[in-house]
Amino acid sequence: SGVTLNLVAGMTVRSISGLTTANLAVDQVRFTAPVHIGDTLYA
């Protein structure tokens, strides 16, 4: 799940937080289905 979280969060950086000064919080993290090798994720 940590890998999934980091991959998905990383996908968002280019648009929403490319200029971020600091992350303050990651909250309400929910894993709702399994992720396997070969799955393609969209955020």
PDB file of all heavy atoms in Angstrom:
ATOM      1  N   SER A   1       0.819  -1.215   0.000  1.00  0.00           N
ATOM      2  CA  SER A   1       0.000   0.000   0.000  1.00  0.00           C
ATOM      3  C   SER A   1       0.852   1.265   0.000  1.00  0.00           C
ATOM      4  O   SER A   1       0.472   2.275  -0.596  1.00  0.00           O
ATOM      5  CB  SER A   1      -0.960  -0.011   1.189  1.00  0.00           C
ATOM      6  OG  SER A   1      -0.240  -0.126   2.395  1.00  0.00           O
ATOM      7  N   GLY A   2       2.006   1.234   0.645  1.00  0.00           N
ATOM      8  CA  GLY A   2       2.897   2.394   0.641  1.00  0.00           C
ATOM      9  C   GLY A   2       3.405   2.709  -0.761  1.00  0.00           C
ATOM     10  O   GLY A   2       3.554   3.872  -1.142  1.00  0.00           O
ATOM     11  N   VAL A   3       3.675   1.672  -1.532  1.00  0.00           N
ATOM     12  CA  VAL A   3       4.105   1.864  -2.919  1.00  0.00           C
ATOM     13  C   VAL A   3       2.966   2.489  -3.723  1.00  0.00           C
ATOM     14  O   VAL A   3       3.172   3.448  -4.479  1.00  0.00           O
ATOM     15  CB  VAL A   3       4.567   0.525  -3.547  1.00  0.00           C
ATOM     16  CG1 VAL A   3       4.812   0.672  -5.039  1.00  0.00           C
ATOM     17  CG2 VAL A   3       5.808   0.002  -2.835  1.00  0.00           C
ATOM     18  N   THR A   4       1.766   1.955  -3.543  1.00  0.00           N
ATOM     19  CA  THR A   4       0.609   2.499  -4.260  1.00  0.00           C
ATOM     20  C   THR A   4       0.411   3.973  -3.908  1.00  0.00           C
ATOM     21  O   THR A   4       0.231   4.818  -4.798  1.00  0.00           O
ATOM     22  CB  THR A   4      -0.655   1.686  -3.936  1.00  0.00           C
ATOM     23  OG1 THR A   4      -0.438   0.328  -4.316  1.00  0.00           O
ATOM     24  CG2 THR A   4      -1.858   2.231  -4.671  1.00  0.00           C
ATOM     25  N   LEU A   5       0.452   4.313  -2.631  1.00  0.00           N
ATOM     26  CA  LEU A   5       0.281   5.696  -2.204  1.00  0.00           C
ATOM     27  C   LEU A   5       1.332   6.597  -2.847  1.00  0.00           C
ATOM     28  O   LEU A   5       1.015   7.677  -3.369  1.00  0.00           O
ATOM     29  CB  LEU A   5       0.351   5.804  -0.678  1.00  0.00           C
ATOM     30  CG  LEU A   5       0.315   7.224  -0.101  1.00  0.00           C
ATOM     31  CD1 LEU A   5      -0.965   7.950  -0.471  1.00  0.00           C
ATOM     32  CD2 LEU A   5       0.497   7.175   1.409  1.00  0.00           C
ATOM     33  N   ASN A   6       2.578   6.172  -2.830  1.00  0.00           N
ATOM     34  CA  ASN A   6       3.646   7.001  -3.394  1.00  0.00           C
ATOM     35  C   ASN A   6       3.532   7.146  -4.904  1.00  0.00           C
ATOM     36  O   ASN A   6       3.775   8.233  -5.447  1.00  0.00           O
ATOM     37  CB  ASN A   6       5.014   6.454  -2.998  1.00  0.00           C
ATOM     38  CG  ASN A   6       5.368   6.874  -1.591  1.00  0.00           C
ATOM     39  OD1 ASN A   6       5.534   8.055  -1.328  1.00  0.00           O
ATOM     40  ND2 ASN A   6       5.457   5.919  -0.687  1.00  0.00           N
ATOM     41  N   LEU A   7       3.158   6.096  -5.599  1.00  0.00           N
ATOM     42  CA  LEU A   7       2.981   6.203  -7.045  1.00  0.00           C
ATOM     43  C   LEU A   7       1.863   7.184  -7.389  1.00  0.00           C
ATOM     44  O   LEU A   7       2.015   8.053  -8.250  1.00  0.00           O
ATOM     45  CB  LEU A   7       2.679   4.840  -7.668  1.00  0.00           C
ATOM     46  CG  LEU A   7       3.831   3.848  -7.723  1.00  0.00           C
ATOM     47  CD1 LEU A   7       3.334   2.498  -8.227  1.00  0.00           C
ATOM     48  CD2 LEU A   7       4.958   4.369  -8.598  1.00  0.00           C
ATOM     49  N   VAL A   8       0.725   7.044  -6.704  1.00  0.00           N
ATOM     50  CA  VAL A   8      -0.422   7.907  -7.001  1.00  0.00           C
ATOM     51  C   VAL A   8      -0.117   9.354  -6.609  1.00  0.00           C
ATOM     52  O   VAL A   8      -0.386  10.281  -7.377  1.00  0.00           O
ATOM     53  CB  VAL A   8      -1.700   7.380  -6.331  1.00  0.00           C
ATOM     54  CG1 VAL A   8      -2.845   8.377  -6.475  1.00  0.00           C
ATOM     55  CG2 VAL A   8      -2.083   6.028  -6.918  1.00  0.00           C
ATOM     56  N   ALA A   9       0.442   9.571  -5.433  1.00  0.00           N
ATOM     57  CA  ALA A   9       0.794  10.937  -5.023  1.00  0.00           C
ATOM     58  C   ALA A   9       1.777  11.542  -6.019  1.00  0.00           C
ATOM     59  O   ALA A   9       1.646  12.708  -6.404  1.00  0.00           O
ATOM     60  CB  ALA A   9       1.366  10.938  -3.608  1.00  0.00           C
ATOM     61  N   GLY A  10       2.732  10.753  -6.467  1.00  0.00           N
ATOM     62  CA  GLY A  10       3.696  11.235  -7.447  1.00  0.00           C
ATOM     63  C   GLY A  10       3.054  11.638  -8.760  1.00  0.00           C
ATOM     64  O   GLY A  10       3.494  12.594  -9.412  1.00  0.00           O
ATOM     65  N   MET A  11       2.001  10.942  -9.153  1.00  0.00           N
ATOM     66  CA  MET A  11       1.307  11.270 -10.396  1.00  0.00           C
ATOM     67  C   MET A  11       0.675  12.663 -10.341  1.00  0.00           C
ATOM     68  O   MET A  11       0.433  13.278 -11.378  1.00  0.00           O
ATOM     69  CB  MET A  11       0.218  10.234 -10.682  1.00  0.00           C
ATOM     70  CG  MET A  11       0.761   8.866 -11.026  1.00  0.00           C
ATOM     71  SD  MET A  11      -0.533   7.604 -11.063  1.00  0.00           S
ATOM     72  CE  MET A  11      -1.508   8.160 -12.456  1.00  0.00           C
ATOM     73  N   THR A  12       0.403  13.166  -9.152  1.00  0.00           N
ATOM     74  CA  THR A  12      -0.287  14.450  -8.998  1.00  0.00           C
ATOM     75  C   THR A  12       0.654  15.645  -8.960  1.00  0.00           C
ATOM     76  O   THR A  12       0.219  16.784  -9.135  1.00  0.00           O
ATOM     77  CB  THR A  12      -1.137  14.469  -7.711  1.00  0.00           C
ATOM     78  OG1 THR A  12      -0.273  14.552  -6.568  1.00  0.00           O
ATOM     79  CG2 THR A  12      -2.044  13.258  -7.608  1.00  0.00           C
ATOM     80  N   VAL A  13       1.924  15.412  -8.731  1.00  0.00           N
ATOM     81  CA  VAL A  13       2.864  16.498  -8.465  1.00  0.00           C
ATOM     82  C   VAL A  13       2.979  17.476  -9.622  1.00  0.00           C
ATOM     83  O   VAL A  13       2.959  18.689  -9.420  1.00  0.00           O
ATOM     84  CB  VAL A  13       4.259  15.937  -8.094  1.00  0.00           C
ATOM     85  CG1 VAL A  13       5.317  17.023  -8.082  1.00  0.00           C
ATOM     86  CG2 VAL A  13       4.189  15.237  -6.743  1.00  0.00           C
ATOM     87  N   ARG A  14       3.104  16.996 -10.827  1.00  0.00           N
ATOM     88  CA  ARG A  14       3.335  17.870 -11.971  1.00  0.00           C
ATOM     89  C   ARG A  14       2.298  18.990 -12.049  1.00  0.00           C
ATOM     90  O   ARG A  14       2.635  20.136 -12.320  1.00  0.00           O
ATOM     91  CB  ARG A  14       3.336  17.073 -13.257  1.00  0.00           C
ATOM     92  CG  ARG A  14       3.537  17.935 -14.458  1.00  0.00           C
ATOM     93  CD  ARG A  14       3.949  17.116 -15.653  1.00  0.00           C
ATOM     94  NE  ARG A  14       4.487  17.977 -16.658  1.00  0.00           N
ATOM     95  CZ  ARG A  14       5.669  18.569 -16.623  1.00  0.00           C
ATOM     96  NH1 ARG A  14       6.475  18.358 -15.614  1.00  0.00           N
ATOM     97  NH2 ARG A  14       6.065  19.365 -17.574  1.00  0.00           N
ATOM     98  N   SER A  15       1.046  18.670 -11.770  1.00  0.00           N
ATOM     99  CA  SER A  15       0.015  19.703 -11.900  1.00  0.00           C
ATOM    100  C   SER A  15      -0.306  20.406 -10.590  1.00  0.00           C
ATOM    101  O   SER A  15      -0.294  21.635 -10.530  1.00  0.00           O
ATOM    102  CB  SER A  15      -1.258  19.128 -12.514  1.00  0.00           C
ATOM    103  OG  SER A  15      -1.718  18.029 -11.780  1.00  0.00           O
ATOM    104  N   ILE A  16      -0.580  19.665  -9.525  1.00  0.00           N
ATOM    105  CA  ILE A  16      -1.095  20.356  -8.339  1.00  0.00           C
ATOM    106  C   ILE A  16      -0.028  20.851  -7.382  1.00  0.00           C
ATOM    107  O   ILE A  16      -0.257  21.813  -6.659  1.00  0.00           O
ATOM    108  CB  ILE A  16      -2.130  19.520  -7.551  1.00  0.00           C
ATOM    109  CG1 ILE A  16      -1.505  18.287  -6.939  1.00  0.00           C
ATOM    110  CG2 ILE A  16      -3.320  19.196  -8.391  1.00  0.00           C
ATOM    111  CD1 ILE A  16      -2.360  17.665  -5.870  1.00  0.00           C
ATOM    112  N   SER A  17       1.107  20.217  -7.343  1.00  0.00           N
ATOM    113  CA  SER A  17       2.049  20.623  -6.293  1.00  0.00           C
ATOM    114  C   SER A  17       3.488  20.722  -6.783  1.00  0.00           C
ATOM    115  O   SER A  17       4.413  20.585  -6.001  1.00  0.00           O
ATOM    116  CB  SER A  17       1.951  19.663  -5.107  1.00  0.00           C
ATOM    117  OG  SER A  17       2.264  18.346  -5.510  1.00  0.00           O
ATOM    118  N   GLY A  18       3.668  21.021  -8.050  1.00  0.00           N
ATOM    119  CA  GLY A  18       5.018  21.176  -8.577  1.00  0.00           C
ATOM    120  C   GLY A  18       5.797  22.289  -7.908  1.00  0.00           C
ATOM    121  O   GLY A  18       7.014  22.268  -7.865  1.00  0.00           O
ATOM    122  N   LEU A  19       5.103  23.279  -7.361  1.00  0.00           N
ATOM    123  CA  LEU A  19       5.760  24.402  -6.688  1.00  0.00           C
ATOM    124  C   LEU A  19       5.648  24.324  -5.172  1.00  0.00           C
ATOM    125  O   LEU A  19       5.944  25.294  -4.475  1.00  0.00           O
ATOM    126  CB  LEU A  19       5.137  25.724  -7.167  1.00  0.00           C
ATOM    127  CG  LEU A  19       5.316  26.039  -8.647  1.00  0.00           C
ATOM    128  CD1 LEU A  19       4.577  27.319  -9.004  1.00  0.00           C
ATOM    129  CD2 LEU A  19       6.780  26.135  -9.013  1.00  0.00           C
ATOM    130  N   THR A  20       5.248  23.185  -4.653  1.00  0.00           N
ATOM    131  CA  THR A  20       5.028  23.046  -3.217  1.00  0.00           C
ATOM    132  C   THR A  20       6.261  23.433  -2.413  1.00  0.00           C
ATOM    133  O   THR A  20       7.379  23.048  -2.731  1.00  0.00           O
ATOM    134  CB  THR A  20       4.631  21.595  -2.883  1.00  0.00           C
ATOM    135  OG1 THR A  20       3.375  21.349  -3.482  1.00  0.00           O
ATOM    136  CG2 THR A  20       4.537  21.354  -1.404  1.00  0.00           C
ATOM    137  N   THR A  21       6.014  24.179  -1.346  1.00  0.00           N
ATOM    138  CA  THR A  21       7.056  24.542  -0.396  1.00  0.00           C
ATOM    139  C   THR A  21       7.202  23.461   0.667  1.00  0.00           C
ATOM    140  O   THR A  21       8.296  23.178   1.127  1.00  0.00           O
ATOM    141  CB  THR A  21       6.699  25.883   0.285  1.00  0.00           C
ATOM    142  OG1 THR A  21       6.417  26.839  -0.730  1.00  0.00           O
ATOM    143  CG2 THR A  21       7.819  26.385   1.144  1.00  0.00           C
ATOM    144  N   ALA A  22       6.071  22.848   1.050  1.00  0.00           N
ATOM    145  CA  ALA A  22       6.093  21.795   2.063  1.00  0.00           C
ATOM    146  C   ALA A  22       4.769  21.039   2.048  1.00  0.00           C
ATOM    147  O   ALA A  22       3.713  21.634   1.837  1.00  0.00           O
ATOM    148  CB  ALA A  22       6.313  22.386   3.451  1.00  0.00           C
ATOM    149  N   ASN A  23       4.840  19.743   2.255  1.00  0.00           N
ATOM    150  CA  ASN A  23       3.633  18.958   2.521  1.00  0.00           C
ATOM    151  C   ASN A  23       3.323  19.112   3.999  1.00  0.00           C
ATOM    152  O   ASN A  23       4.220  19.063   4.845  1.00  0.00           O
ATOM    153  CB  ASN A  23       3.858  17.481   2.197  1.00  0.00           C
ATOM    154  CG  ASN A  23       3.617  17.188   0.741  1.00  0.00           C
ATOM    155  OD1 ASN A  23       2.621  17.611   0.173  1.00  0.00           O
ATOM    156  ND2 ASN A  23       4.541  16.473   0.137  1.00  0.00           N
ATOM    157  N   LEU A  24       2.058  19.298   4.322  1.00  0.00           N
ATOM    158  CA  LEU A  24       1.651  19.468   5.710  1.00  0.00           C
ATOM    159  C   LEU A  24       0.944  18.240   6.262  1.00  0.00           C
ATOM    160  O   LEU A  24       1.052  17.947   7.450  1.00  0.00           O
ATOM    161  CB  LEU A  24       0.741  20.697   5.846  1.00  0.00           C
ATOM    162  CG  LEU A  24       1.350  22.014   5.393  1.00  0.00           C
ATOM    163  CD1 LEU A  24       0.325  23.131   5.483  1.00  0.00           C
ATOM    164  CD2 LEU A  24       2.601  22.332   6.190  1.00  0.00           C
ATOM    165  N   ALA A  25       0.190  17.545   5.403  1.00  0.00           N
ATOM    166  CA  ALA A  25      -0.554  16.385   5.900  1.00  0.00           C
ATOM    167  C   ALA A  25      -1.001  15.504   4.742  1.00  0.00           C
ATOM    168  O   ALA A  25      -1.269  15.993   3.647  1.00  0.00           O
ATOM    169  CB  ALA A  25      -1.780  16.835   6.688  1.00  0.00           C
ATOM    170  N   VAL A  26      -1.062  14.224   5.022  1.00  0.00           N
ATOM    171  CA  VAL A  26      -1.754  13.252   4.178  1.00  0.00           C
ATOM    172  C   VAL A  26      -2.727  12.563   5.122  1.00  0.00           C
ATOM    173  O   VAL A  26      -2.318  11.950   6.106  1.00  0.00           O
ATOM    174  CB  VAL A  26      -0.787  12.237   3.536  1.00  0.00           C
ATOM    175  CG1 VAL A  26      -1.554  11.200   2.733  1.00  0.00           C
ATOM    176  CG2 VAL A  26       0.224  12.950   2.645  1.00  0.00           C
ATOM    177  N   ASP A  27      -4.026  12.735   4.833  1.00  0.00           N
ATOM    178  CA  ASP A  27      -5.069  12.272   5.741  1.00  0.00           C
ATOM    179  C   ASP A  27      -6.068  11.386   5.025  1.00  0.00           C
ATOM    180  O   ASP A  27      -6.165  11.404   3.799  1.00  0.00           O
ATOM    181  CB  ASP A  27      -5.849  13.473   6.316  1.00  0.00           C
ATOM    182  CG  ASP A  27      -4.994  14.385   7.162  1.00  0.00           C
ATOM    183  OD1 ASP A  27      -4.344  13.886   8.090  1.00  0.00           O
ATOM    184  OD2 ASP A  27      -4.983  15.594   6.881  1.00  0.00           O
ATOM    185  N   GLN A  28      -6.838  10.687   5.827  1.00  0.00           N
ATOM    186  CA  GLN A  28      -7.966   9.891   5.332  1.00  0.00           C
ATOM    187  C   GLN A  28      -7.565   8.977   4.169  1.00  0.00           C
ATOM    188  O   GLN A  28      -8.276   8.874   3.165  1.00  0.00           O
ATOM    189  CB  GLN A  28      -9.139  10.798   4.956  1.00  0.00           C
ATOM    190  CG  GLN A  28      -9.636  11.596   6.130  1.00  0.00           C
ATOM    191  CD  GLN A  28     -10.723  12.586   5.764  1.00  0.00           C
ATOM    192  OE1 GLN A  28     -11.104  12.733   4.618  1.00  0.00           O
ATOM    193  NE2 GLN A  28     -11.235  13.271   6.773  1.00  0.00           N
ATOM    194  N   VAL A  29      -6.430   8.325   4.316  1.00  0.00           N
ATOM    195  CA  VAL A  29      -5.955   7.398   3.288  1.00  0.00           C
ATOM    196  C   VAL A  29      -6.794   6.127   3.355  1.00  0.00           C
ATOM    197  O   VAL A  29      -6.961   5.542   4.430  1.00  0.00           O
ATOM    198  CB  VAL A  29      -4.464   7.061   3.491  1.00  0.00           C
ATOM    199  CG1 VAL A  29      -3.986   6.072   2.447  1.00  0.00           C
ATOM    200  CG2 VAL A  29      -3.620   8.327   3.488  1.00  0.00           C
ATOM    201  N   ARG A  30      -7.333   5.732   2.214  1.00  0.00           N
ATOM    202  CA  ARG A  30      -8.153   4.518   2.121  1.00  0.00           C
ATOM    203  C   ARG A  30      -7.690   3.698   0.932  1.00  0.00           C
ATOM    204  O   ARG A  30      -7.558   4.218  -0.175  1.00  0.00           O
ATOM    205  CB  ARG A  30      -9.640   4.858   1.940  1.00  0.00           C
ATOM    206  CG  ARG A  30     -10.248   5.674   3.057  1.00  0.00           C
ATOM    207  CD  ARG A  30     -10.367   4.854   4.341  1.00  0.00           C
ATOM    208  NE  ARG A  30     -10.943   5.615   5.424  1.00  0.00           N
ATOM    209  CZ  ARG A  30     -10.233   6.250   6.346  1.00  0.00           C
ATOM    210  NH1 ARG A  30      -8.929   6.244   6.300  1.00  0.00           N
ATOM    211  NH2 ARG A  30     -10.830   6.897   7.325  1.00  0.00           N
ATOM    212  N   PHE A  31      -7.461   2.421   1.168  1.00  0.00           N
ATOM    213  CA  PHE A  31      -7.131   1.486   0.094  1.00  0.00           C
ATOM    214  C   PHE A  31      -8.377   0.652  -0.154  1.00  0.00           C
ATOM    215  O   PHE A  31      -8.815  -0.085   0.723  1.00  0.00           O
ATOM    216  CB  PHE A  31      -5.928   0.624   0.487  1.00  0.00           C
ATOM    217  CG  PHE A  31      -4.705   1.468   0.750  1.00  0.00           C
ATOM    218  CD1 PHE A  31      -4.336   1.804   2.041  1.00  0.00           C
ATOM    219  CD2 PHE A  31      -3.950   1.945  -0.306  1.00  0.00           C
ATOM    220  CE1 PHE A  31      -3.232   2.600   2.278  1.00  0.00           C
ATOM    221  CE2 PHE A  31      -2.836   2.747  -0.079  1.00  0.00           C
ATOM    222  CZ  PHE A  31      -2.479   3.078   1.222  1.00  0.00           C
ATOM    223  N   THR A  32      -8.964   0.791  -1.327  1.00  0.00           N
ATOM    224  CA  THR A  32     -10.294   0.241  -1.573  1.00  0.00           C
ATOM    225  C   THR A  32     -10.302  -1.001  -2.455  1.00  0.00           C
ATOM    226  O   THR A  32     -11.340  -1.657  -2.560  1.00  0.00           O
ATOM    227  CB  THR A  32     -11.191   1.326  -2.193  1.00  0.00           C
ATOM    228  OG1 THR A  32     -10.524   1.872  -3.339  1.00  0.00           O
ATOM    229  CG2 THR A  32     -11.443   2.448  -1.193  1.00  0.00           C
ATOM    230  N   ALA A  33      -9.191  -1.321  -3.077  1.00  0.00           N
ATOM    231  CA  ALA A  33      -9.080  -2.535  -3.888  1.00  0.00           C
ATOM    232  C   ALA A  33      -7.605  -2.874  -4.033  1.00  0.00           C
ATOM    233  O   ALA A  33      -6.744  -1.994  -3.946  1.00  0.00           O
ATOM    234  CB  ALA A  33      -9.728  -2.331  -5.263  1.00  0.00           C
ATOM    235  N   PRO A  34      -7.299  -4.150  -4.256  1.00  0.00           N
ATOM    236  CA  PRO A  34      -5.897  -4.535  -4.401  1.00  0.00           C
ATOM    237  C   PRO A  34      -5.283  -3.989  -5.682  1.00  0.00           C
ATOM    238  O   PRO A  34      -5.973  -3.759  -6.671  1.00  0.00           O
ATOM    239  CB  PRO A  34      -5.962  -6.066  -4.440  1.00  0.00           C
ATOM    240  CG  PRO A  34      -7.328  -6.366  -4.941  1.00  0.00           C
ATOM    241  CD  PRO A  34      -8.209  -5.278  -4.423  1.00  0.00           C
ATOM    242  N   VAL A  35      -3.975  -3.786  -5.630  1.00  0.00           N
ATOM    243  CA  VAL A  35      -3.198  -3.385  -6.803  1.00  0.00           C
ATOM    244  C   VAL A  35      -2.143  -4.457  -7.024  1.00  0.00           C
ATOM    245  O   VAL A  35      -1.489  -4.899  -6.077  1.00  0.00           O
ATOM    246  CB  VAL A  35      -2.546  -2.000  -6.611  1.00  0.00           C
ATOM    247  CG1 VAL A  35      -1.633  -1.651  -7.784  1.00  0.00           C
ATOM    248  CG2 VAL A  35      -3.619  -0.933  -6.422  1.00  0.00           C
ATOM    249  N   HIS A  36      -2.003  -4.867  -8.278  1.00  0.00           N
ATOM    250  CA  HIS A  36      -1.073  -5.939  -8.636  1.00  0.00           C
ATOM    251  C   HIS A  36      -0.118  -5.477  -9.728  1.00  0.00           C
ATOM    252  O   HIS A  36      -0.392  -4.498 -10.437  1.00  0.00           O
ATOM    253  CB  HIS A  36      -1.850  -7.161  -9.132  1.00  0.00           C
ATOM    254  CG  HIS A  36      -2.804  -7.714  -8.136  1.00  0.00           C
ATOM    255  ND1 HIS A  36      -2.409  -8.458  -7.050  1.00  0.00           N
ATOM    256  CD2 HIS A  36      -4.152  -7.621  -8.045  1.00  0.00           C
ATOM    257  CE1 HIS A  36      -3.469  -8.807  -6.338  1.00  0.00           C
ATOM    258  NE2 HIS A  36      -4.545  -8.302  -6.919  1.00  0.00           N
ATOM    259  N   ILE A  37       0.974  -6.204  -9.871  1.00  0.00           N
ATOM    260  CA  ILE A  37       1.915  -5.944 -10.954  1.00  0.00           C
ATOM    261  C   ILE A  37       1.145  -6.003 -12.275  1.00  0.00           C
ATOM    262  O   ILE A  37       0.356  -6.915 -12.506  1.00  0.00           O
ATOM    263  CB  ILE A  37       3.061  -6.978 -10.931  1.00  0.00           C
ATOM    264  CG1 ILE A  37       3.903  -6.795  -9.656  1.00  0.00           C
ATOM    265  CG2 ILE A  37       3.933  -6.872 -12.194  1.00  0.00           C
ATOM    266  CD1 ILE A  37       4.858  -7.927  -9.360  1.00  0.00           C
ATOM    267  N   GLY A  38       1.367  -4.993 -13.114  1.00  0.00           N
ATOM    268  CA  GLY A  38       0.694  -4.924 -14.410  1.00  0.00           C
ATOM    269  C   GLY A  38      -0.550  -4.050 -14.405  1.00  0.00           C
ATOM    270  O   GLY A  38      -1.051  -3.697 -15.484  1.00  0.00           O
ATOM    271  N   ASP A  39      -1.068  -3.688 -13.236  1.00  0.00           N
ATOM    272  CA  ASP A  39      -2.214  -2.771 -13.187  1.00  0.00           C
ATOM    273  C   ASP A  39      -1.752  -1.381 -13.610  1.00  0.00           C
ATOM    274  O   ASP A  39      -0.635  -0.962 -13.303  1.00  0.00           O
ATOM    275  CB  ASP A  39      -2.795  -2.680 -11.776  1.00  0.00           C
ATOM    276  CG  ASP A  39      -3.659  -3.876 -11.402  1.00  0.00           C
ATOM    277  OD1 ASP A  39      -3.979  -4.689 -12.287  1.00  0.00           O
ATOM    278  OD2 ASP A  39      -4.013  -3.981 -10.215  1.00  0.00           O
ATOM    279  N   THR A  40      -2.620  -0.667 -14.300  1.00  0.00           N
ATOM    280  CA  THR A  40      -2.347   0.723 -14.658  1.00  0.00           C
ATOM    281  C   THR A  40      -3.251   1.613 -13.823  1.00  0.00           C
ATOM    282  O   THR A  40      -4.463   1.397 -13.770  1.00  0.00           O
ATOM    283  CB  THR A  40      -2.578   0.974 -16.156  1.00  0.00           C
ATOM    284  OG1 THR A  40      -1.683   0.127 -16.905  1.00  0.00           O
ATOM    285  CG2 THR A  40      -2.312   2.429 -16.520  1.00  0.00           C
ATOM    286  N   LEU A  41      -2.637   2.586 -13.166  1.00  0.00           N
ATOM    287  CA  LEU A  41      -3.361   3.482 -12.274  1.00  0.00           C
ATOM    288  C   LEU A  41      -3.582   4.840 -12.942  1.00  0.00           C
ATOM    289  O   LEU A  41      -2.705   5.337 -13.663  1.00  0.00           O
ATOM    290  CB  LEU A  41      -2.579   3.674 -10.975  1.00  0.00           C
ATOM    291  CG  LEU A  41      -2.245   2.398 -10.216  1.00  0.00           C
ATOM    292  CD1 LEU A  41      -1.413   2.715  -8.975  1.00  0.00           C
ATOM    293  CD2 LEU A  41      -3.498   1.634  -9.848  1.00  0.00           C
ATOM    294  N   TYR A  42      -4.747   5.413 -12.688  1.00  0.00           N
ATOM    295  CA  TYR A  42      -5.101   6.752 -13.153  1.00  0.00           C
ATOM    296  C   TYR A  42      -5.584   7.528 -11.936  1.00  0.00           C
ATOM    297  O   TYR A  42      -6.317   6.998 -11.115  1.00  0.00           O
ATOM    298  CB  TYR A  42      -6.210   6.693 -14.208  1.00  0.00           C
ATOM    299  CG  TYR A  42      -5.781   5.945 -15.440  1.00  0.00           C
ATOM    300  CD1 TYR A  42      -6.025   4.575 -15.563  1.00  0.00           C
ATOM    301  CD2 TYR A  42      -5.106   6.596 -16.462  1.00  0.00           C
ATOM    302  CE1 TYR A  42      -5.609   3.883 -16.690  1.00  0.00           C
ATOM    303  CE2 TYR A  42      -4.694   5.904 -17.595  1.00  0.00           C
ATOM    304  CZ  TYR A  42      -4.948   4.547 -17.700  1.00  0.00           C
ATOM    305  OH  TYR A  42      -4.533   3.862 -18.807  1.00  0.00           O
ATOM    306  N   ALA A  43      -5.160   8.782 -11.828  1.00  0.00           N
ATOM    307  CA  ALA A  43      -5.514   9.578 -10.656  1.00  0.00           C
ATOM    308  C   ALA A  43      -6.262  10.834 -11.063  1.00  0.00           C
ATOM    309  O   ALA A  43      -6.078  11.355 -12.169  1.00  0.00           O
ATOM    310  CB  ALA A  43      -4.255   9.966  -9.885  1.00  0.00           C
TER     311      ALA A  43
END
